[in-house]
Amino acid sequence: MNQSAETEALKKDLEQLRRDLKALADAVKHSTQERAQEHLNSARETFEGARQSASRQAEHLGEEIKARPFTSVLTAFGVGLLLGKLLGR
């Protein structure tokens, strides 16, 4: 094999290597984007579940306050007094 043929073979091998590396980089990028999207969707679902739960808890608390206003005021006063003592130190 002469030097020109070896050079051409090397050029072809390098070009194939470039294509393979580009394909690998594209595959990694695509895989990373898919995983990021999956995590984002999971986070959105978790947030939505937490938001709904907080909304139900707030609704339940509002119903409890309406059902027992005097007890609610005394409880709020007691918690405020306790927090004031703890934070006042």
N, C-alpha and C. Protein backbone atom coordinates (compact mmCIF):
# COMPACT_ATOMS: atom_id res chain seq x y z
N MET A 1 0.85 -1.17 0.00
CA MET A 1 0.00 0.00 0.00
C MET A 1 0.90 1.24 0.00
N ASN A 2 0.59 2.16 -0.87
CA ASN A 2 1.43 3.35 -0.93
C ASN A 2 0.93 4.40 0.06
N GLN A 3 1.71 5.44 0.21
CA GLN A 3 1.43 6.46 1.20
C GLN A 3 0.11 7.19 0.90
N SER A 4 -0.21 7.43 -0.35
CA SER A 4 -1.43 8.11 -0.74
C SER A 4 -2.65 7.28 -0.35
N ALA A 5 -2.59 5.98 -0.58
CA ALA A 5 -3.70 5.09 -0.21
C ALA A 5 -3.86 5.03 1.30
N GLU A 6 -2.76 5.02 2.02
CA GLU A 6 -2.82 5.02 3.49
C GLU A 6 -3.42 6.32 4.00
N THR A 7 -3.05 7.42 3.38
CA THR A 7 -3.60 8.73 3.77
C THR A 7 -5.10 8.77 3.52
N GLU A 8 -5.53 8.27 2.38
CA GLU A 8 -6.96 8.25 2.07
C GLU A 8 -7.71 7.35 3.06
N ALA A 9 -7.15 6.20 3.38
CA ALA A 9 -7.78 5.29 4.34
C ALA A 9 -7.88 5.96 5.71
N LEU A 10 -6.83 6.66 6.10
CA LEU A 10 -6.83 7.37 7.38
C LEU A 10 -7.88 8.47 7.39
N LYS A 11 -7.99 9.20 6.26
CA LYS A 11 -9.00 10.25 6.16
C LYS A 11 -10.41 9.66 6.29
N LYS A 12 -10.64 8.53 5.64
CA LYS A 12 -11.95 7.88 5.72
C LYS A 12 -12.23 7.41 7.14
N ASP A 13 -11.21 6.85 7.79
CA ASP A 13 -11.38 6.40 9.18
C ASP A 13 -11.69 7.57 10.11
N LEU A 14 -10.98 8.68 9.90
CA LEU A 14 -11.23 9.87 10.73
C LEU A 14 -12.64 10.42 10.49
N GLU A 15 -13.06 10.42 9.25
CA GLU A 15 -14.42 10.91 8.94
C GLU A 15 -15.47 10.00 9.59
N GLN A 16 -15.25 8.71 9.54
CA GLN A 16 -16.17 7.77 10.18
C GLN A 16 -16.17 7.97 11.70
N LEU A 17 -14.99 8.20 12.26
CA LEU A 17 -14.89 8.47 13.69
C LEU A 17 -15.66 9.73 14.06
N ARG A 18 -15.55 10.79 13.24
CA ARG A 18 -16.30 12.03 13.49
C ARG A 18 -17.81 11.76 13.47
N ARG A 19 -18.26 11.00 12.48
CA ARG A 19 -19.70 10.68 12.39
C ARG A 19 -20.15 9.87 13.60
N ASP A 20 -19.33 8.90 14.00
CA ASP A 20 -19.67 8.08 15.17
C ASP A 20 -19.73 8.91 16.44
N LEU A 21 -18.77 9.81 16.61
CA LEU A 21 -18.76 10.67 17.80
C LEU A 21 -19.96 11.61 17.81
N LYS A 22 -20.31 12.13 16.64
CA LYS A 22 -21.49 13.00 16.55
C LYS A 22 -22.75 12.22 16.90
N ALA A 23 -22.86 11.01 16.38
CA ALA A 23 -24.02 10.17 16.69
C ALA A 23 -24.08 9.86 18.18
N LEU A 24 -22.93 9.58 18.77
CA LEU A 24 -22.88 9.30 20.21
C LEU A 24 -23.28 10.54 21.02
N ALA A 25 -22.76 11.69 20.63
CA ALA A 25 -23.10 12.94 21.33
C ALA A 25 -24.59 13.23 21.20
N ASP A 26 -25.16 13.01 20.02
CA ASP A 26 -26.60 13.23 19.83
C ASP A 26 -27.42 12.27 20.69
N ALA A 27 -26.97 11.02 20.78
CA ALA A 27 -27.69 10.03 21.58
C ALA A 27 -27.64 10.40 23.06
N VAL A 28 -26.48 10.84 23.54
CA VAL A 28 -26.35 11.25 24.94
C VAL A 28 -27.23 12.47 25.21
N LYS A 29 -27.21 13.43 24.29
CA LYS A 29 -28.03 14.64 24.44
C LYS A 29 -29.51 14.27 24.51
N HIS A 30 -29.94 13.42 23.59
CA HIS A 30 -31.35 13.00 23.55
C HIS A 30 -31.74 12.27 24.84
N SER A 31 -30.88 11.37 25.28
CA SER A 31 -31.15 10.61 26.51
C SER A 31 -31.23 11.54 27.72
N THR A 32 -30.32 12.50 27.78
CA THR A 32 -30.30 13.45 28.89
C THR A 32 -31.57 14.30 28.88
N GLN A 33 -31.99 14.74 27.70
CA GLN A 33 -33.20 15.55 27.60
C GLN A 33 -34.42 14.74 28.02
N GLU A 34 -34.47 13.47 27.63
CA GLU A 34 -35.60 12.63 28.02
C GLU A 34 -35.65 12.46 29.53
N ARG A 35 -34.49 12.19 30.14
CA ARG A 35 -34.47 12.01 31.60
C ARG A 35 -34.84 13.31 32.31
N ALA A 36 -34.36 14.43 31.80
CA ALA A 36 -34.69 15.72 32.41
C ALA A 36 -36.20 15.97 32.31
N GLN A 37 -36.79 15.64 31.17
CA GLN A 37 -38.24 15.82 31.01
C GLN A 37 -39.01 14.91 31.96
N GLU A 38 -38.54 13.67 32.12
CA GLU A 38 -39.19 12.74 33.05
C GLU A 38 -39.15 13.29 34.48
N HIS A 39 -37.98 13.82 34.88
CA HIS A 39 -37.85 14.38 36.23
C HIS A 39 -38.72 15.62 36.39
N LEU A 40 -38.79 16.42 35.35
CA LEU A 40 -39.64 17.61 35.40
C LEU A 40 -41.11 17.22 35.55
N ASN A 41 -41.54 16.23 34.78
CA ASN A 41 -42.93 15.76 34.89
C ASN A 41 -43.21 15.20 36.28
N SER A 42 -42.27 14.45 36.81
CA SER A 42 -42.42 13.89 38.15
C SER A 42 -42.52 15.00 39.20
N ALA A 43 -41.68 16.02 39.06
CA ALA A 43 -41.71 17.15 40.00
C ALA A 43 -43.04 17.89 39.90
N ARG A 44 -43.54 18.05 38.68
CA ARG A 44 -44.84 18.73 38.51
C ARG A 44 -45.96 17.93 39.17
N GLU A 45 -45.94 16.61 39.00
CA GLU A 45 -46.96 15.76 39.61
C GLU A 45 -46.88 15.84 41.13
N THR A 46 -45.66 15.82 41.67
CA THR A 46 -45.47 15.91 43.11
C THR A 46 -45.96 17.25 43.63
N PHE A 47 -45.62 18.33 42.92
CA PHE A 47 -46.05 19.66 43.32
C PHE A 47 -47.57 19.76 43.29
N GLU A 48 -48.17 19.23 42.23
CA GLU A 48 -49.64 19.30 42.11
C GLU A 48 -50.30 18.52 43.25
N GLY A 49 -49.76 17.35 43.57
CA GLY A 49 -50.29 16.57 44.69
C GLY A 49 -50.17 17.32 46.00
N ALA A 50 -49.01 17.94 46.23
CA ALA A 50 -48.80 18.70 47.46
C ALA A 50 -49.73 19.91 47.51
N ARG A 51 -49.92 20.56 46.36
CA ARG A 51 -50.81 21.73 46.31
C ARG A 51 -52.25 21.34 46.64
N GLN A 52 -52.69 20.22 46.08
CA GLN A 52 -54.05 19.75 46.34
C GLN A 52 -54.21 19.36 47.81
N SER A 53 -53.20 18.71 48.35
CA SER A 53 -53.25 18.31 49.75
C SER A 53 -53.29 19.54 50.67
N ALA A 54 -52.46 20.54 50.36
CA ALA A 54 -52.45 21.77 51.16
C ALA A 54 -53.81 22.47 51.05
N SER A 55 -54.39 22.45 49.87
CA SER A 55 -55.70 23.08 49.69
C SER A 55 -56.76 22.37 50.53
N ARG A 56 -56.72 21.04 50.52
CA ARG A 56 -57.68 20.28 51.34
C ARG A 56 -57.47 20.55 52.83
N GLN A 57 -56.20 20.62 53.24
CA GLN A 57 -55.90 20.89 54.65
C GLN A 57 -56.40 22.28 55.06
N ALA A 58 -56.18 23.27 54.19
CA ALA A 58 -56.63 24.63 54.49
C ALA A 58 -58.16 24.68 54.56
N GLU A 59 -58.81 23.96 53.67
CA GLU A 59 -60.27 23.91 53.68
C GLU A 59 -60.77 23.26 54.97
N HIS A 60 -60.12 22.18 55.35
CA HIS A 60 -60.50 21.47 56.59
C HIS A 60 -60.27 22.37 57.81
N LEU A 61 -59.15 23.08 57.82
CA LEU A 61 -58.86 23.99 58.93
C LEU A 61 -59.91 25.09 59.00
N GLY A 62 -60.28 25.62 57.84
CA GLY A 62 -61.32 26.66 57.82
C GLY A 62 -62.64 26.15 58.37
N GLU A 63 -63.00 24.92 58.04
CA GLU A 63 -64.22 24.31 58.57
C GLU A 63 -64.14 24.13 60.08
N GLU A 64 -62.96 23.72 60.57
CA GLU A 64 -62.78 23.54 62.02
C GLU A 64 -62.90 24.87 62.75
N ILE A 65 -62.33 25.92 62.15
CA ILE A 65 -62.42 27.25 62.78
C ILE A 65 -63.87 27.72 62.83
N LYS A 66 -64.61 27.49 61.75
CA LYS A 66 -66.03 27.88 61.74
C LYS A 66 -66.83 27.07 62.75
N ALA A 67 -66.51 25.80 62.89
CA ALA A 67 -67.25 24.94 63.81
C ALA A 67 -66.94 25.26 65.27
N ARG A 68 -65.70 25.66 65.56
CA ARG A 68 -65.28 25.93 66.94
C ARG A 68 -64.50 27.24 67.01
N PRO A 69 -65.16 28.37 66.84
CA PRO A 69 -64.43 29.65 66.79
C PRO A 69 -63.73 30.00 68.11
N PHE A 70 -64.38 29.76 69.23
CA PHE A 70 -63.79 30.11 70.52
C PHE A 70 -62.54 29.27 70.80
N THR A 71 -62.64 27.97 70.55
CA THR A 71 -61.50 27.07 70.74
C THR A 71 -60.36 27.46 69.80
N SER A 72 -60.69 27.85 68.59
CA SER A 72 -59.67 28.24 67.61
C SER A 72 -58.93 29.49 68.06
N VAL A 73 -59.67 30.46 68.60
CA VAL A 73 -59.04 31.70 69.07
C VAL A 73 -58.13 31.40 70.25
N LEU A 74 -58.60 30.58 71.18
CA LEU A 74 -57.77 30.23 72.34
C LEU A 74 -56.51 29.45 71.91
N THR A 75 -56.68 28.56 70.97
CA THR A 75 -55.53 27.79 70.47
C THR A 75 -54.52 28.72 69.80
N ALA A 76 -55.00 29.63 68.96
CA ALA A 76 -54.12 30.58 68.28
C ALA A 76 -53.40 31.46 69.30
N PHE A 77 -54.13 31.90 70.32
CA PHE A 77 -53.52 32.71 71.38
C PHE A 77 -52.43 31.92 72.10
N GLY A 78 -52.72 30.66 72.44
CA GLY A 78 -51.75 29.82 73.14
C GLY A 78 -50.50 29.57 72.29
N VAL A 79 -50.69 29.30 71.03
CA VAL A 79 -49.55 29.07 70.14
C VAL A 79 -48.73 30.36 70.02
N GLY A 80 -49.40 31.49 69.88
CA GLY A 80 -48.70 32.77 69.79
C GLY A 80 -47.91 33.08 71.05
N LEU A 81 -48.50 32.80 72.19
CA LEU A 81 -47.83 33.01 73.48
C LEU A 81 -46.60 32.12 73.59
N LEU A 82 -46.76 30.86 73.23
CA LEU A 82 -45.64 29.91 73.28
C LEU A 82 -44.51 30.35 72.33
N LEU A 83 -44.85 30.72 71.11
CA LEU A 83 -43.84 31.18 70.16
C LEU A 83 -43.16 32.45 70.66
N GLY A 84 -43.94 33.34 71.27
CA GLY A 84 -43.37 34.56 71.82
C GLY A 84 -42.35 34.27 72.92
N LYS A 85 -42.66 33.33 73.77
CA LYS A 85 -41.72 32.93 74.83
C LYS A 85 -40.45 32.30 74.26
N LEU A 86 -40.63 31.41 73.26
CA LEU A 86 -39.49 30.73 72.66
C LEU A 86 -38.60 31.68 71.89
N LEU A 87 -39.20 32.59 71.14
CA LEU A 87 -38.42 33.52 70.32
C LEU A 87 -37.89 34.71 71.12
N GLY A 88 -38.49 34.97 72.27
CA GLY A 88 -38.07 36.09 73.10
C GLY A 88 -36.78 35.80 73.85
N ARG A 89 -36.33 34.58 73.87
CA ARG A 89 -35.12 34.22 74.62
C ARG A 89 -33.88 34.58 73.89
